[in-house]
PDB file of N, CA and C in Angstrom:
ATOM      1  N   MET A   1      40.100 168.536 -26.790  1.00  0.00           N
ATOM      2  CA  MET A   1      38.353 167.818 -26.785  1.00  0.00           C
ATOM      3  C   MET A   1      37.639 168.721 -25.560  1.00  0.00           C
ATOM      4  N   VAL A   2      36.761 168.635 -25.548  1.00  0.00           N
ATOM      5  CA  VAL A   2      35.686 169.221 -24.692  1.00  0.00           C
ATOM      6  C   VAL A   2      34.686 168.257 -24.227  1.00  0.00           C
ATOM      7  N   LYS A   3      34.364 168.700 -22.883  1.00  0.00           N
ATOM      8  CA  LYS A   3      33.732 167.611 -22.023  1.00  0.00           C
ATOM      9  C   LYS A   3      32.267 168.487 -21.994  1.00  0.00           C
ATOM     10  N   ILE A   4      30.732 168.211 -22.508  1.00  0.00           N
ATOM     11  CA  ILE A   4      30.025 169.195 -21.944  1.00  0.00           C
ATOM     12  C   ILE A   4      28.873 168.064 -21.099  1.00  0.00           C
ATOM     13  N   VAL A   5      28.286 168.876 -20.612  1.00  0.00           N
ATOM     14  CA  VAL A   5      26.986 168.182 -19.333  1.00  0.00           C
ATOM     15  C   VAL A   5      26.140 168.901 -19.412  1.00  0.00           C
ATOM     16  N   LEU A   6      24.915 168.465 -19.920  1.00  0.00           N
ATOM     17  CA  LEU A   6      23.455 168.712 -19.844  1.00  0.00           C
ATOM     18  C   LEU A   6      23.414 169.075 -18.798  1.00  0.00           C
ATOM     19  N   LYS A   7      23.038 170.309 -18.068  1.00  0.00           N
ATOM     20  CA  LYS A   7      22.456 170.466 -16.418  1.00  0.00           C
ATOM     21  C   LYS A   7      21.037 170.849 -16.050  1.00  0.00           C
ATOM     22  N   ARG A   8      20.478 171.292 -17.205  1.00  0.00           N
ATOM     23  CA  ARG A   8      19.594 171.868 -16.554  1.00  0.00           C
ATOM     24  C   ARG A   8      18.366 171.584 -17.734  1.00  0.00           C
ATOM     25  N   SER A   9      16.822 171.692 -17.570  1.00  0.00           N
ATOM     26  CA  SER A   9      16.259 170.831 -18.291  1.00  0.00           C
ATOM     27  C   SER A   9      15.579 171.706 -19.705  1.00  0.00           C
ATOM     28  N   TYR A  10      15.021 171.207 -20.892  1.00  0.00           N
ATOM     29  CA  TYR A  10      14.379 171.566 -21.924  1.00  0.00           C
ATOM     30  C   TYR A  10      13.443 172.357 -21.714  1.00  0.00           C
ATOM     31  N   ILE A  11      12.561 172.778 -20.466  1.00  0.00           N
ATOM     32  CA  ILE A  11      11.738 172.899 -20.390  1.00  0.00           C
ATOM     33  C   ILE A  11      12.119 174.676 -20.543  1.00  0.00           C
ATOM     34  N   GLY A  12      11.298 175.749 -21.022  1.00  0.00           N
ATOM     35  CA  GLY A  12      10.978 176.948 -21.225  1.00  0.00           C
ATOM     36  C   GLY A  12      12.001 177.714 -21.782  1.00  0.00           C
ATOM     37  N   ILE A  13      12.983 176.659 -22.942  1.00  0.00           N
ATOM     38  CA  ILE A  13      13.928 177.159 -23.734  1.00  0.00           C
ATOM     39  C   ILE A  13      13.262 177.864 -24.798  1.00  0.00           C
ATOM     40  N   THR A  14      14.384 178.191 -25.674  1.00  0.00           N
ATOM     41  CA  THR A  14      14.059 178.678 -26.825  1.00  0.00           C
ATOM     42  C   THR A  14      14.024 177.977 -28.008  1.00  0.00           C
ATOM     43  N   PRO A  15      13.033 177.559 -28.887  1.00  0.00           N
ATOM     44  CA  PRO A  15      13.628 176.663 -30.101  1.00  0.00           C
ATOM     45  C   PRO A  15      14.690 176.631 -30.422  1.00  0.00           C
ATOM     46  N   LYS A  16      15.571 177.828 -30.186  1.00  0.00           N
ATOM     47  CA  LYS A  16      16.718 177.727 -31.547  1.00  0.00           C
ATOM     48  C   LYS A  16      17.493 177.350 -30.212  1.00  0.00           C
ATOM     49  N   GLN A  17      17.880 177.368 -29.046  1.00  0.00           N
ATOM     50  CA  GLN A  17      18.480 176.763 -27.991  1.00  0.00           C
ATOM     51  C   GLN A  17      18.066 175.460 -28.023  1.00  0.00           C
ATOM     52  N   ARG A  18      16.694 174.850 -28.199  1.00  0.00           N
ATOM     53  CA  ARG A  18      16.671 172.907 -28.166  1.00  0.00           C
ATOM     54  C   ARG A  18      17.358 172.661 -29.370  1.00  0.00           C
ATOM     55  N   GLN A  19      17.733 173.391 -31.036  1.00  0.00           N
ATOM     56  CA  GLN A  19      18.270 173.043 -32.006  1.00  0.00           C
ATOM     57  C   GLN A  19      19.862 173.183 -31.526  1.00  0.00           C
ATOM     58  N   ILE A  20      20.197 173.798 -30.463  1.00  0.00           N
ATOM     59  CA  ILE A  20      21.378 173.694 -30.419  1.00  0.00           C
ATOM     60  C   ILE A  20      21.887 172.273 -29.504  1.00  0.00           C
ATOM     61  N   LEU A  21      21.150 172.093 -28.320  1.00  0.00           N
ATOM     62  CA  LEU A  21      20.745 170.882 -27.351  1.00  0.00           C
ATOM     63  C   LEU A  21      20.918 170.112 -28.096  1.00  0.00           C
ATOM     64  N   GLN A  22      20.034 169.579 -29.494  1.00  0.00           N
ATOM     65  CA  GLN A  22      20.325 168.119 -29.938  1.00  0.00           C
ATOM     66  C   GLN A  22      21.150 168.491 -30.857  1.00  0.00           C
ATOM     67  N   ALA A  23      22.010 169.281 -31.487  1.00  0.00           N
ATOM     68  CA  ALA A  23      22.859 169.267 -32.281  1.00  0.00           C
ATOM     69  C   ALA A  23      24.574 168.479 -31.672  1.00  0.00           C
ATOM     70  N   LEU A  24      24.347 169.383 -30.193  1.00  0.00           N
ATOM     71  CA  LEU A  24      25.380 169.115 -29.682  1.00  0.00           C
ATOM     72  C   LEU A  24      25.401 167.292 -29.204  1.00  0.00           C
ATOM     73  N   GLY A  25      23.810 166.503 -29.271  1.00  0.00           N
ATOM     74  CA  GLY A  25      23.774 165.555 -28.770  1.00  0.00           C
ATOM     75  C   GLY A  25      23.217 165.218 -27.655  1.00  0.00           C
ATOM     76  N   LEU A  26      22.566 166.313 -26.734  1.00  0.00           N
ATOM     77  CA  LEU A  26      22.304 166.315 -25.385  1.00  0.00           C
ATOM     78  C   LEU A  26      21.322 166.345 -25.364  1.00  0.00           C
ATOM     79  N   LYS A  27      20.854 165.024 -24.752  1.00  0.00           N
ATOM     80  CA  LYS A  27      18.959 164.894 -24.811  1.00  0.00           C
ATOM     81  C   LYS A  27      18.691 164.541 -23.446  1.00  0.00           C
ATOM     82  N   LYS A  28      18.768 164.398 -22.400  1.00  0.00           N
ATOM     83  CA  LYS A  28      18.687 163.998 -20.949  1.00  0.00           C
ATOM     84  C   LYS A  28      19.832 164.626 -19.849  1.00  0.00           C
ATOM     85  N   ILE A  29      19.137 165.198 -19.208  1.00  0.00           N
ATOM     86  CA  ILE A  29      19.727 166.180 -18.081  1.00  0.00           C
ATOM     87  C   ILE A  29      21.036 164.922 -17.618  1.00  0.00           C
ATOM     88  N   GLY A  30      21.932 165.267 -17.639  1.00  0.00           N
ATOM     89  CA  GLY A  30      23.194 164.170 -16.844  1.00  0.00           C
ATOM     90  C   GLY A  30      24.166 163.961 -18.157  1.00  0.00           C
ATOM     91  N   ALA A  31      23.441 164.198 -19.478  1.00  0.00           N
ATOM     92  CA  ALA A  31      24.036 163.305 -20.731  1.00  0.00           C
ATOM     93  C   ALA A  31      25.168 163.996 -20.699  1.00  0.00           C
ATOM     94  N   ILE A  32      26.771 163.478 -21.077  1.00  0.00           N
ATOM     95  CA  ILE A  32      27.451 163.801 -21.183  1.00  0.00           C
ATOM     96  C   ILE A  32      28.206 163.228 -22.590  1.00  0.00           C
ATOM     97  N   VAL A  33      28.654 164.430 -23.369  1.00  0.00           N
ATOM     98  CA  VAL A  33      29.411 164.397 -24.580  1.00  0.00           C
ATOM     99  C   VAL A  33      30.583 164.787 -24.607  1.00  0.00           C
ATOM    100  N   LYS A  34      31.338 164.230 -25.467  1.00  0.00           N
ATOM    101  CA  LYS A  34      32.973 165.015 -26.085  1.00  0.00           C
ATOM    102  C   LYS A  34      33.100 165.443 -27.170  1.00  0.00           C
ATOM    103  N   LYS A  35      33.140 166.666 -27.505  1.00  0.00           N
ATOM    104  CA  LYS A  35      33.230 167.128 -28.735  1.00  0.00           C
ATOM    105  C   LYS A  35      34.846 168.215 -29.303  1.00  0.00           C
ATOM    106  N   ALA A  36      35.116 167.876 -30.500  1.00  0.00           N
ATOM    107  CA  ALA A  36      36.513 168.704 -30.753  1.00  0.00           C
ATOM    108  C   ALA A  36      36.468 170.652 -29.952  1.00  0.00           C
ATOM    109  N   ASP A  37      37.815 170.865 -29.598  1.00  0.00           N
ATOM    110  CA  ASP A  37      37.481 172.165 -29.071  1.00  0.00           C
ATOM    111  C   ASP A  37      37.842 172.680 -30.758  1.00  0.00           C
ATOM    112  N   ASN A  38      36.767 173.575 -31.436  1.00  0.00           N
ATOM    113  CA  ASN A  38      36.619 174.626 -32.221  1.00  0.00           C
ATOM    114  C   ASN A  38      36.011 175.612 -31.871  1.00  0.00           C
ATOM    115  N   LYS A  39      36.135 176.703 -32.924  1.00  0.00           N
ATOM    116  CA  LYS A  39      35.405 177.660 -32.588  1.00  0.00           C
ATOM    117  C   LYS A  39      33.469 177.559 -32.770  1.00  0.00           C
ATOM    118  N   ALA A  40      33.517 176.205 -34.022  1.00  0.00           N
ATOM    119  CA  ALA A  40      32.455 175.755 -33.764  1.00  0.00           C
ATOM    120  C   ALA A  40      31.531 175.534 -32.672  1.00  0.00           C
ATOM    121  N   THR A  41      32.409 174.668 -32.031  1.00  0.00           N
ATOM    122  CA  THR A  41      31.718 174.066 -30.512  1.00  0.00           C
ATOM    123  C   THR A  41      31.119 175.056 -29.812  1.00  0.00           C
ATOM    124  N   MET A  42      32.140 175.787 -29.589  1.00  0.00           N
ATOM    125  CA  MET A  42      32.449 177.008 -28.356  1.00  0.00           C
ATOM    126  C   MET A  42      31.612 177.888 -28.633  1.00  0.00           C
ATOM    127  N   GLY A  43      31.589 178.293 -29.600  1.00  0.00           N
ATOM    128  CA  GLY A  43      29.827 179.162 -30.045  1.00  0.00           C
ATOM    129  C   GLY A  43      28.849 178.262 -29.746  1.00  0.00           C
ATOM    130  N   MET A  44      28.528 177.614 -29.830  1.00  0.00           N
ATOM    131  CA  MET A  44      27.276 176.553 -29.460  1.00  0.00           C
ATOM    132  C   MET A  44      27.412 176.720 -28.143  1.00  0.00           C
ATOM    133  N   ILE A  45      28.332 176.109 -26.868  1.00  0.00           N
ATOM    134  CA  ILE A  45      28.404 176.151 -25.819  1.00  0.00           C
ATOM    135  C   ILE A  45      27.869 177.612 -25.525  1.00  0.00           C
ATOM    136  N   ASN A  46      28.736 178.386 -26.090  1.00  0.00           N
ATOM    137  CA  ASN A  46      28.348 179.769 -25.418  1.00  0.00           C
ATOM    138  C   ASN A  46      26.767 180.038 -25.205  1.00  0.00           C
ATOM    139  N   LYS A  47      26.025 179.956 -26.587  1.00  0.00           N
ATOM    140  CA  LYS A  47      24.251 180.856 -26.747  1.00  0.00           C
ATOM    141  C   LYS A  47      24.033 179.413 -25.738  1.00  0.00           C
ATOM    142  N   VAL A  48      24.111 178.343 -25.048  1.00  0.00           N
ATOM    143  CA  VAL A  48      23.822 178.042 -24.424  1.00  0.00           C
ATOM    144  C   VAL A  48      23.963 177.112 -22.710  1.00  0.00           C
ATOM    145  N   SER A  49      24.954 178.463 -22.808  1.00  0.00           N
ATOM    146  CA  SER A  49      25.737 178.305 -20.927  1.00  0.00           C
ATOM    147  C   SER A  49      25.405 178.517 -19.989  1.00  0.00           C
ATOM    148  N   HIS A  50      24.003 178.550 -20.215  1.00  0.00           N
ATOM    149  CA  HIS A  50      23.502 179.027 -18.587  1.00  0.00           C
ATOM    150  C   HIS A  50      22.556 177.557 -18.358  1.00  0.00           C
ATOM    151  N   LEU A  51      22.312 176.715 -19.693  1.00  0.00           N
ATOM    152  CA  LEU A  51      22.162 174.996 -19.397  1.00  0.00           C
ATOM    153  C   LEU A  51      23.180 174.099 -19.354  1.00  0.00           C
ATOM    154  N   VAL A  52      24.593 174.034 -19.652  1.00  0.00           N
ATOM    155  CA  VAL A  52      25.448 172.851 -19.719  1.00  0.00           C
ATOM    156  C   VAL A  52      26.938 173.559 -19.138  1.00  0.00           C
ATOM    157  N   SER A  53      27.566 172.715 -18.583  1.00  0.00           N
ATOM    158  CA  SER A  53      28.576 173.153 -17.759  1.00  0.00           C
ATOM    159  C   SER A  53      29.604 172.197 -18.997  1.00  0.00           C
ATOM    160  N   PHE A  54      31.097 172.760 -18.938  1.00  0.00           N
ATOM    161  CA  PHE A  54      31.964 171.866 -19.906  1.00  0.00           C
ATOM    162  C   PHE A  54      33.468 172.427 -19.473  1.00  0.00           C
ATOM    163  N   GLU A  55      34.253 171.248 -19.750  1.00  0.00           N
ATOM    164  CA  GLU A  55      35.685 171.099 -19.139  1.00  0.00           C
ATOM    165  C   GLU A  55      36.680 171.009 -20.286  1.00  0.00           C
ATOM    166  N   LYS A  56      38.017 171.139 -19.973  1.00  0.00           N
ATOM    167  CA  LYS A  56      38.387 170.718 -21.877  1.00  0.00           C
ATOM    168  C   LYS A  56      39.613 169.386 -21.493  1.00  0.00           C
ATOM    169  N   VAL A  57      39.490 168.879 -21.794  1.00  0.00           N
ATOM    170  CA  VAL A  57      39.832 167.200 -21.591  1.00  0.00           C
ATOM    171  C   VAL A  57      41.123 166.745 -22.686  1.00  0.00           C
ATOM    172  N   ASP A  58      42.350 166.100 -22.156  1.00  0.00           N
ATOM    173  CA  ASP A  58      42.930 165.874 -22.796  1.00  0.00           C
ATOM    174  C   ASP A  58      42.012 164.375 -23.484  1.00  0.00           C
ATOM    175  N   GLU A  59      42.599 164.426 -24.956  1.00  0.00           N
ATOM    176  CA  GLU A  59      41.770 162.912 -25.462  1.00  0.00           C
ATOM    177  C   GLU A  59      42.872 162.075 -26.101  1.00  0.00           C
TER     178      GLU A  59
END
């Protein structure tokens, strides 16, 4: 599992990055979601790495 936290605002980001954040389930600054640790999720995190922080957790 990966814990993802939205650190920066939606303001000034591209529509594609906005779609990625919405697909991850992140709506507000400080929002936390847990997602499966797979290639698709890590690719999404990589695209918006400047907006989020993440860490691997045991579940």
